[in-house]
C-alpha atoms as a PDB file:
ATOM      1  CA  UNK A   1       0.000   0.000   0.000  1.00  0.00           C
ATOM      2  CA  UNK A   2       0.961   3.644  -0.305  1.00  0.00           C
ATOM      3  CA  UNK A   3       1.551   4.650   3.289  1.00  0.00           C
ATOM      4  CA  UNK A   4       0.998   8.294   2.383  1.00  0.00           C
ATOM      5  CA  UNK A   5      -2.740   7.640   2.201  1.00  0.00           C
ATOM      6  CA  UNK A   6      -2.626   7.710   6.014  1.00  0.00           C
ATOM      7  CA  UNK A   7      -0.406  10.767   6.379  1.00  0.00           C
ATOM      8  CA  UNK A   8      -1.975  13.514   8.456  1.00  0.00           C
ATOM      9  CA  UNK A   9      -5.155  11.528   9.017  1.00  0.00           C
ATOM     10  CA  UNK A  10      -7.128   9.632  11.630  1.00  0.00           C
ATOM     11  CA  UNK A  11      -7.024   5.873  12.074  1.00  0.00           C
ATOM     12  CA  UNK A  12      -9.820   4.461  14.221  1.00  0.00           C
ATOM     13  CA  UNK A  13      -9.149   1.445  16.414  1.00  0.00           C
ATOM     14  CA  UNK A  14     -12.224  -0.795  16.451  1.00  0.00           C
ATOM     15  CA  UNK A  15     -11.689  -3.308  19.223  1.00  0.00           C
ATOM     16  CA  UNK A  16     -13.734  -4.872  22.001  1.00  0.00           C
ATOM     17  CA  UNK A  17     -12.342  -7.500  24.335  1.00  0.00           C
ATOM     18  CA  UNK A  18     -14.360 -10.578  25.390  1.00  0.00           C
ATOM     19  CA  UNK A  19     -15.396  -8.990  28.702  1.00  0.00           C
ATOM     20  CA  UNK A  20     -16.705  -5.813  27.065  1.00  0.00           C
ATOM     21  CA  UNK A  21     -20.365  -5.217  26.110  1.00  0.00           C
ATOM     22  CA  UNK A  22     -19.638  -4.592  22.423  1.00  0.00           C
ATOM     23  CA  UNK A  23     -17.553  -7.731  21.889  1.00  0.00           C
ATOM     24  CA  UNK A  24     -18.907  -8.809  18.500  1.00  0.00           C
ATOM     25  CA  UNK A  25     -17.396  -8.995  15.035  1.00  0.00           C
ATOM     26  CA  UNK A  26     -20.649  -7.612  13.616  1.00  0.00           C
ATOM     27  CA  UNK A  27     -20.601  -4.626  15.955  1.00  0.00           C
ATOM     28  CA  UNK A  28     -16.935  -3.938  15.190  1.00  0.00           C
ATOM     29  CA  UNK A  29     -17.699  -4.036  11.476  1.00  0.00           C
ATOM     30  CA  UNK A  30     -20.423  -1.420  11.981  1.00  0.00           C
ATOM     31  CA  UNK A  31     -18.060   0.680  14.102  1.00  0.00           C
ATOM     32  CA  UNK A  32     -15.540   0.573  11.285  1.00  0.00           C
ATOM     33  CA  UNK A  33     -18.206   1.437   8.719  1.00  0.00           C
ATOM     34  CA  UNK A  34     -19.264   4.432  10.814  1.00  0.00           C
ATOM     35  CA  UNK A  35     -15.619   5.527  11.093  1.00  0.00           C
ATOM     36  CA  UNK A  36     -15.173   5.246   7.329  1.00  0.00           C
ATOM     37  CA  UNK A  37     -18.320   7.252   6.611  1.00  0.00           C
ATOM     38  CA  UNK A  38     -17.131   9.963   9.007  1.00  0.00           C
ATOM     39  CA  UNK A  39     -13.806  10.377   7.218  1.00  0.00           C
ATOM     40  CA  UNK A  40     -11.336   8.041   8.916  1.00  0.00           C
ATOM     41  CA  UNK A  41      -8.406   7.068   6.715  1.00  0.00           C
ATOM     42  CA  UNK A  42      -7.707   3.655   8.225  1.00  0.00           C
ATOM     43  CA  UNK A  43      -8.814   1.051  10.756  1.00  0.00           C
ATOM     44  CA  UNK A  44      -6.909  -0.841  13.433  1.00  0.00           C
ATOM     45  CA  UNK A  45      -8.545  -4.120  14.415  1.00  0.00           C
ATOM     46  CA  UNK A  46      -7.894  -7.177  16.559  1.00  0.00           C
ATOM     47  CA  UNK A  47      -8.547 -10.848  15.704  1.00  0.00           C
ATOM     48  CA  UNK A  48      -9.204 -12.660  12.461  1.00  0.00           C
ATOM     49  CA  UNK A  49     -12.966 -12.733  12.924  1.00  0.00           C
ATOM     50  CA  UNK A  50     -13.216  -8.981  13.449  1.00  0.00           C
ATOM     51  CA  UNK A  51     -10.835  -8.149  10.615  1.00  0.00           C
ATOM     52  CA  UNK A  52     -12.682 -10.363   8.138  1.00  0.00           C
ATOM     53  CA  UNK A  53     -16.044  -8.900   9.186  1.00  0.00           C
ATOM     54  CA  UNK A  54     -14.709  -5.366   8.762  1.00  0.00           C
ATOM     55  CA  UNK A  55     -13.241  -6.282   5.371  1.00  0.00           C
ATOM     56  CA  UNK A  56     -16.716  -7.143   4.134  1.00  0.00           C
ATOM     57  CA  UNK A  57     -18.021  -3.611   4.632  1.00  0.00           C
ATOM     58  CA  UNK A  58     -15.007  -1.280   4.687  1.00  0.00           C
ATOM     59  CA  UNK A  59     -12.414  -0.591   1.996  1.00  0.00           C
ATOM     60  CA  UNK A  60      -9.959   1.385   4.143  1.00  0.00           C
ATOM     61  CA  UNK A  61      -6.404   0.143   4.762  1.00  0.00           C
ATOM     62  CA  UNK A  62      -6.168  -1.858   7.939  1.00  0.00           C
ATOM     63  CA  UNK A  63      -3.627  -2.271  10.720  1.00  0.00           C
ATOM     64  CA  UNK A  64      -4.146  -5.804  11.954  1.00  0.00           C
ATOM     65  CA  UNK A  65      -3.219  -7.268  15.308  1.00  0.00           C
ATOM     66  CA  UNK A  66      -4.013 -10.435  17.203  1.00  0.00           C
ATOM     67  CA  UNK A  67      -3.949 -10.259  20.982  1.00  0.00           C
ATOM     68  CA  UNK A  68      -2.940 -13.606  22.434  1.00  0.00           C
ATOM     69  CA  UNK A  69      -1.312 -14.461  25.725  1.00  0.00           C
ATOM     70  CA  UNK A  70       1.461 -17.039  26.082  1.00  0.00           C
ATOM     71  CA  UNK A  71       2.865 -18.458  29.330  1.00  0.00           C
ATOM     72  CA  UNK A  72       6.027 -16.785  30.582  1.00  0.00           C
ATOM     73  CA  UNK A  73       5.767 -13.677  28.420  1.00  0.00           C
ATOM     74  CA  UNK A  74       4.006 -10.327  28.874  1.00  0.00           C
ATOM     75  CA  UNK A  75       4.007  -9.786  25.091  1.00  0.00           C
ATOM     76  CA  UNK A  76       0.473 -10.239  23.747  1.00  0.00           C
ATOM     77  CA  UNK A  77       0.149  -8.100  20.587  1.00  0.00           C
ATOM     78  CA  UNK A  78       0.965 -10.323  17.581  1.00  0.00           C
ATOM     79  CA  UNK A  79       3.569 -12.218  19.603  1.00  0.00           C
ATOM     80  CA  UNK A  80       4.520 -15.124  17.291  1.00  0.00           C
ATOM     81  CA  UNK A  81       4.709 -16.295  13.697  1.00  0.00           C
ATOM     82  CA  UNK A  82       1.284 -17.937  14.078  1.00  0.00           C
ATOM     83  CA  UNK A  83      -0.359 -14.532  14.478  1.00  0.00           C
ATOM     84  CA  UNK A  84       1.686 -13.166  11.566  1.00  0.00           C
ATOM     85  CA  UNK A  85       0.380 -15.967   9.340  1.00  0.00           C
ATOM     86  CA  UNK A  86      -3.202 -15.470  10.486  1.00  0.00           C
ATOM     87  CA  UNK A  87      -3.129 -11.718   9.864  1.00  0.00           C
ATOM     88  CA  UNK A  88      -1.540 -12.172   6.447  1.00  0.00           C
ATOM     89  CA  UNK A  89      -4.331 -14.581   5.510  1.00  0.00           C
ATOM     90  CA  UNK A  90      -6.840 -11.778   6.260  1.00  0.00           C
ATOM     91  CA  UNK A  91      -5.209  -9.459   3.737  1.00  0.00           C
ATOM     92  CA  UNK A  92      -4.258  -6.643   6.098  1.00  0.00           C
ATOM     93  CA  UNK A  93      -1.985  -3.962   4.679  1.00  0.00           C
ATOM     94  CA  UNK A  94      -0.105  -3.425   7.952  1.00  0.00           C
ATOM     95  CA  UNK A  95       0.737  -5.851  10.748  1.00  0.00           C
ATOM     96  CA  UNK A  96       1.443  -4.295  14.142  1.00  0.00           C
ATOM     97  CA  UNK A  97       3.289  -6.144  16.874  1.00  0.00           C
ATOM     98  CA  UNK A  98       4.705  -5.547  20.320  1.00  0.00           C
ATOM     99  CA  UNK A  99       8.275  -4.287  19.875  1.00  0.00           C
ATOM    100  CA  UNK A 100       9.116  -3.750  23.541  1.00  0.00           C
ATOM    101  CA  UNK A 101      12.171  -5.243  25.221  1.00  0.00           C
ATOM    102  CA  UNK A 102      10.204  -7.815  27.176  1.00  0.00           C
ATOM    103  CA  UNK A 103      10.731 -11.592  27.029  1.00  0.00           C
ATOM    104  CA  UNK A 104       8.957 -13.057  24.017  1.00  0.00           C
ATOM    105  CA  UNK A 105       7.392 -16.416  23.253  1.00  0.00           C
ATOM    106  CA  UNK A 106       8.697 -18.545  20.355  1.00  0.00           C
ATOM    107  CA  UNK A 107      11.492 -16.394  18.882  1.00  0.00           C
ATOM    108  CA  UNK A 108      13.366 -13.090  19.309  1.00  0.00           C
ATOM    109  CA  UNK A 109      11.875 -10.026  17.648  1.00  0.00           C
ATOM    110  CA  UNK A 110      14.636  -9.861  15.035  1.00  0.00           C
ATOM    111  CA  UNK A 111      13.824 -13.400  13.905  1.00  0.00           C
ATOM    112  CA  UNK A 112      10.104 -12.660  13.809  1.00  0.00           C
ATOM    113  CA  UNK A 113      10.731  -9.640  11.585  1.00  0.00           C
ATOM    114  CA  UNK A 114      12.929 -11.709   9.282  1.00  0.00           C
ATOM    115  CA  UNK A 115      10.168 -14.337   9.103  1.00  0.00           C
ATOM    116  CA  UNK A 116       7.516 -11.778   8.194  1.00  0.00           C
ATOM    117  CA  UNK A 117       9.735 -10.072   5.601  1.00  0.00           C
ATOM    118  CA  UNK A 118      10.637 -13.317   3.897  1.00  0.00           C
ATOM    119  CA  UNK A 119       7.115 -14.709   3.773  1.00  0.00           C
ATOM    120  CA  UNK A 120       5.026 -11.546   3.323  1.00  0.00           C
ATOM    121  CA  UNK A 121       7.196  -8.855   1.733  1.00  0.00           C
ATOM    122  CA  UNK A 122       4.141  -6.876   0.592  1.00  0.00           C
ATOM    123  CA  UNK A 123       2.889  -6.240   4.132  1.00  0.00           C
ATOM    124  CA  UNK A 124       4.128  -3.239   6.098  1.00  0.00           C
ATOM    125  CA  UNK A 125       5.227  -3.760   9.695  1.00  0.00           C
ATOM    126  CA  UNK A 126       4.406  -1.452  12.596  1.00  0.00           C
ATOM    127  CA  UNK A 127       6.317  -1.522  15.891  1.00  0.00           C
ATOM    128  CA  UNK A 128       4.240  -0.957  19.012  1.00  0.00           C
ATOM    129  CA  UNK A 129       6.829   0.607  21.324  1.00  0.00           C
ATOM    130  CA  UNK A 130       6.937   2.294  24.734  1.00  0.00           C
ATOM    131  CA  UNK A 131      10.310   4.079  24.821  1.00  0.00           C
ATOM    132  CA  UNK A 132      12.706   5.884  22.519  1.00  0.00           C
ATOM    133  CA  UNK A 133      15.222   3.062  22.992  1.00  0.00           C
ATOM    134  CA  UNK A 134      12.681   0.524  21.777  1.00  0.00           C
ATOM    135  CA  UNK A 135      11.736   2.751  18.842  1.00  0.00           C
ATOM    136  CA  UNK A 136      15.381   3.052  17.773  1.00  0.00           C
ATOM    137  CA  UNK A 137      15.821  -0.716  18.025  1.00  0.00           C
ATOM    138  CA  UNK A 138      12.652  -1.270  16.008  1.00  0.00           C
ATOM    139  CA  UNK A 139      13.895   1.073  13.322  1.00  0.00           C
ATOM    140  CA  UNK A 140      17.198  -0.796  13.176  1.00  0.00           C
ATOM    141  CA  UNK A 141      15.332  -4.090  12.828  1.00  0.00           C
ATOM    142  CA  UNK A 142      13.553  -2.737   9.753  1.00  0.00           C
ATOM    143  CA  UNK A 143      10.034  -1.843  10.861  1.00  0.00           C
ATOM    144  CA  UNK A 144       8.256   0.470   8.434  1.00  0.00           C
ATOM    145  CA  UNK A 145       6.325   2.390  11.108  1.00  0.00           C
ATOM    146  CA  UNK A 146       7.002   3.307  14.719  1.00  0.00           C
ATOM    147  CA  UNK A 147       3.975   3.404  17.013  1.00  0.00           C
ATOM    148  CA  UNK A 148       3.709   4.866  20.508  1.00  0.00           C
ATOM    149  CA  UNK A 149       1.087   2.257  21.360  1.00  0.00           C
ATOM    150  CA  UNK A 150       2.756   0.780  24.437  1.00  0.00           C
ATOM    151  CA  UNK A 151       3.822   4.055  26.047  1.00  0.00           C
ATOM    152  CA  UNK A 152       2.113   4.121  29.419  1.00  0.00           C
ATOM    153  CA  UNK A 153       1.236   0.434  29.304  1.00  0.00           C
ATOM    154  CA  UNK A 154       4.541  -1.199  30.266  1.00  0.00           C
ATOM    155  CA  UNK A 155       6.169  -1.479  33.688  1.00  0.00           C
ATOM    156  CA  UNK A 156       8.791   1.044  32.624  1.00  0.00           C
ATOM    157  CA  UNK A 157       6.242   3.649  31.516  1.00  0.00           C
ATOM    158  CA  UNK A 158       3.298   2.849  33.780  1.00  0.00           C
ATOM    159  CA  UNK A 159       1.225   5.910  34.619  1.00  0.00           C
ATOM    160  CA  UNK A 160       2.612   8.010  31.781  1.00  0.00           C
ATOM    161  CA  UNK A 161       0.352   9.539  29.167  1.00  0.00           C
ATOM    162  CA  UNK A 162       1.381  10.374  25.626  1.00  0.00           C
ATOM    163  CA  UNK A 163      -0.136  13.856  26.031  1.00  0.00           C
ATOM    164  CA  UNK A 164       1.648  14.662  29.303  1.00  0.00           C
ATOM    165  CA  UNK A 165       3.485  18.009  29.346  1.00  0.00           C
ATOM    166  CA  UNK A 166       2.241  18.936  25.882  1.00  0.00           C
ATOM    167  CA  UNK A 167       3.348  15.636  24.330  1.00  0.00           C
ATOM    168  CA  UNK A 168       6.862  15.770  25.797  1.00  0.00           C
ATOM    169  CA  UNK A 169       7.512  12.123  24.889  1.00  0.00           C
ATOM    170  CA  UNK A 170       6.415  12.624  21.290  1.00  0.00           C
ATOM    171  CA  UNK A 171       8.677  15.666  21.010  1.00  0.00           C
ATOM    172  CA  UNK A 172      11.549  13.471  22.125  1.00  0.00           C
ATOM    173  CA  UNK A 173      10.677  10.527  19.898  1.00  0.00           C
ATOM    174  CA  UNK A 174       9.975  12.118  16.518  1.00  0.00           C
ATOM    175  CA  UNK A 175      13.439  13.697  15.999  1.00  0.00           C
ATOM    176  CA  UNK A 176      15.121  10.498  17.196  1.00  0.00           C
ATOM    177  CA  UNK A 177      13.812   8.276  14.390  1.00  0.00           C
ATOM    178  CA  UNK A 178      13.519   8.554  10.631  1.00  0.00           C
ATOM    179  CA  UNK A 179      10.556   6.204  10.206  1.00  0.00           C
ATOM    180  CA  UNK A 180       6.983   7.557  10.292  1.00  0.00           C
ATOM    181  CA  UNK A 181       5.624   7.804  13.832  1.00  0.00           C
ATOM    182  CA  UNK A 182       1.984   6.928  14.391  1.00  0.00           C
ATOM    183  CA  UNK A 183       0.729   8.303  17.687  1.00  0.00           C
ATOM    184  CA  UNK A 184      -1.519   5.923  19.580  1.00  0.00           C
ATOM    185  CA  UNK A 185      -2.597   5.524  23.166  1.00  0.00           C
ATOM    186  CA  UNK A 186      -4.889   7.657  25.330  1.00  0.00           C
ATOM    187  CA  UNK A 187      -5.634  10.235  22.641  1.00  0.00           C
ATOM    188  CA  UNK A 188      -9.061  11.120  23.995  1.00  0.00           C
ATOM    189  CA  UNK A 189      -9.928  14.464  22.400  1.00  0.00           C
ATOM    190  CA  UNK A 190      -9.840  15.906  18.867  1.00  0.00           C
ATOM    191  CA  UNK A 191      -7.578  18.661  20.154  1.00  0.00           C
ATOM    192  CA  UNK A 192      -4.967  16.143  21.317  1.00  0.00           C
ATOM    193  CA  UNK A 193      -5.091  14.365  17.951  1.00  0.00           C
ATOM    194  CA  UNK A 194      -4.572  17.664  16.137  1.00  0.00           C
ATOM    195  CA  UNK A 195      -1.707  18.620  18.448  1.00  0.00           C
ATOM    196  CA  UNK A 196       0.079  15.299  17.833  1.00  0.00           C
ATOM    197  CA  UNK A 197      -0.099  15.869  14.089  1.00  0.00           C
ATOM    198  CA  UNK A 198       1.112  19.458  14.442  1.00  0.00           C
ATOM    199  CA  UNK A 199       4.141  18.158  16.349  1.00  0.00           C
ATOM    200  CA  UNK A 200       5.072  15.857  13.478  1.00  0.00           C
ATOM    201  CA  UNK A 201       3.201  12.621  14.001  1.00  0.00           C
ATOM    202  CA  UNK A 202       2.568  10.868  10.678  1.00  0.00           C
ATOM    203  CA  UNK A 203      -0.945   9.813  11.684  1.00  0.00           C
ATOM    204  CA  UNK A 204      -3.029   9.345  14.824  1.00  0.00           C
ATOM    205  CA  UNK A 205      -4.858   6.262  16.096  1.00  0.00           C
ATOM    206  CA  UNK A 206      -7.861   6.847  18.345  1.00  0.00           C
ATOM    207  CA  UNK A 207      -9.719   3.948  19.904  1.00  0.00           C
ATOM    208  CA  UNK A 208     -11.590   4.093  23.185  1.00  0.00           C
ATOM    209  CA  UNK A 209     -12.598   7.730  22.869  1.00  0.00           C
ATOM    210  CA  UNK A 210     -14.567   6.778  19.745  1.00  0.00           C
ATOM    211  CA  UNK A 211     -15.430   3.088  19.939  1.00  0.00           C
ATOM    212  CA  UNK A 212     -15.739   2.184  23.637  1.00  0.00           C
ATOM    213  CA  UNK A 213     -18.985   3.712  24.946  1.00  0.00           C
ATOM    214  CA  UNK A 214     -18.550   2.292  28.440  1.00  0.00           C
ATOM    215  CA  UNK A 215     -15.306   4.272  28.812  1.00  0.00           C
ATOM    216  CA  UNK A 216     -16.912   7.405  27.405  1.00  0.00           C
ATOM    217  CA  UNK A 217     -19.911   6.991  29.708  1.00  0.00           C
ATOM    218  CA  UNK A 218     -17.663   6.602  32.762  1.00  0.00           C
ATOM    219  CA  UNK A 219     -15.994   9.923  31.978  1.00  0.00           C
ATOM    220  CA  UNK A 220     -19.339  11.685  31.773  1.00  0.00           C
ATOM    221  CA  UNK A 221     -20.645  10.004  34.933  1.00  0.00           C
ATOM    222  CA  UNK A 222     -17.483  10.882  36.864  1.00  0.00           C
ATOM    223  CA  UNK A 223     -17.770  14.528  35.813  1.00  0.00           C
ATOM    224  CA  UNK A 224     -21.483  14.731  36.572  1.00  0.00           C
ATOM    225  CA  UNK A 225     -21.218  12.996  39.936  1.00  0.00           C
ATOM    226  CA  UNK A 226     -18.295  15.123  41.099  1.00  0.00           C
ATOM    227  CA  UNK A 227     -19.517  17.430  43.885  1.00  0.00           C
ATOM    228  CA  UNK A 228     -19.647  21.074  42.887  1.00  0.00           C
ATOM    229  CA  UNK A 229     -17.061  23.276  44.516  1.00  0.00           C
ATOM    230  CA  UNK A 230     -18.537  25.297  47.318  1.00  0.00           C
ATOM    231  CA  UNK A 231     -18.383  29.025  46.938  1.00  0.00           C
ATOM    232  CA  UNK A 232     -16.079  30.757  49.408  1.00  0.00           C
END
């Protein structure tokens, strides 16, 4: 695919885990269709069943992942060659995978990249990273795209938010790498998405703020239920 079709645009992550109310490949396909009709440039989706359902109704390029846990490893986003093969069979244009420095199942990340390149040279590879060090390593390994997806979700970055201090982490990351940086993770307002792009992000992925109504509802409920400040 021509990666420039995503440049400067919004990618909507349409995912619902098994314990969430909207966990359904049909519902995710309708979420993706709504995102497409509203002007999204791409979709990020999890699992073969969801991706194939979305493919039936949406023509946008897709970042595919498969979340699967393996014993002895915290890596769960496209962790092995099995997930690579399954995503390739769905026809995704981009495969994203955990590119953190954590212990992996099956094979080292460098070997997994070599496997994907040899077997599916037409598919672009996106590194879901948490730190600048991981992003630099991912670039050296040959990933086509660097993602901030894991920033704030690993032990090393727990509690951090991509938008903290006016996107301080993004300002550090973008000049450090030459590959396109896709900003993802806790982008919960249009203003934050616009700011990330203005700072040099190639594209922005937004998920929960668009496609997870229980999270959106909780934010409204928390704001409404907060006691009003008493006047002095």
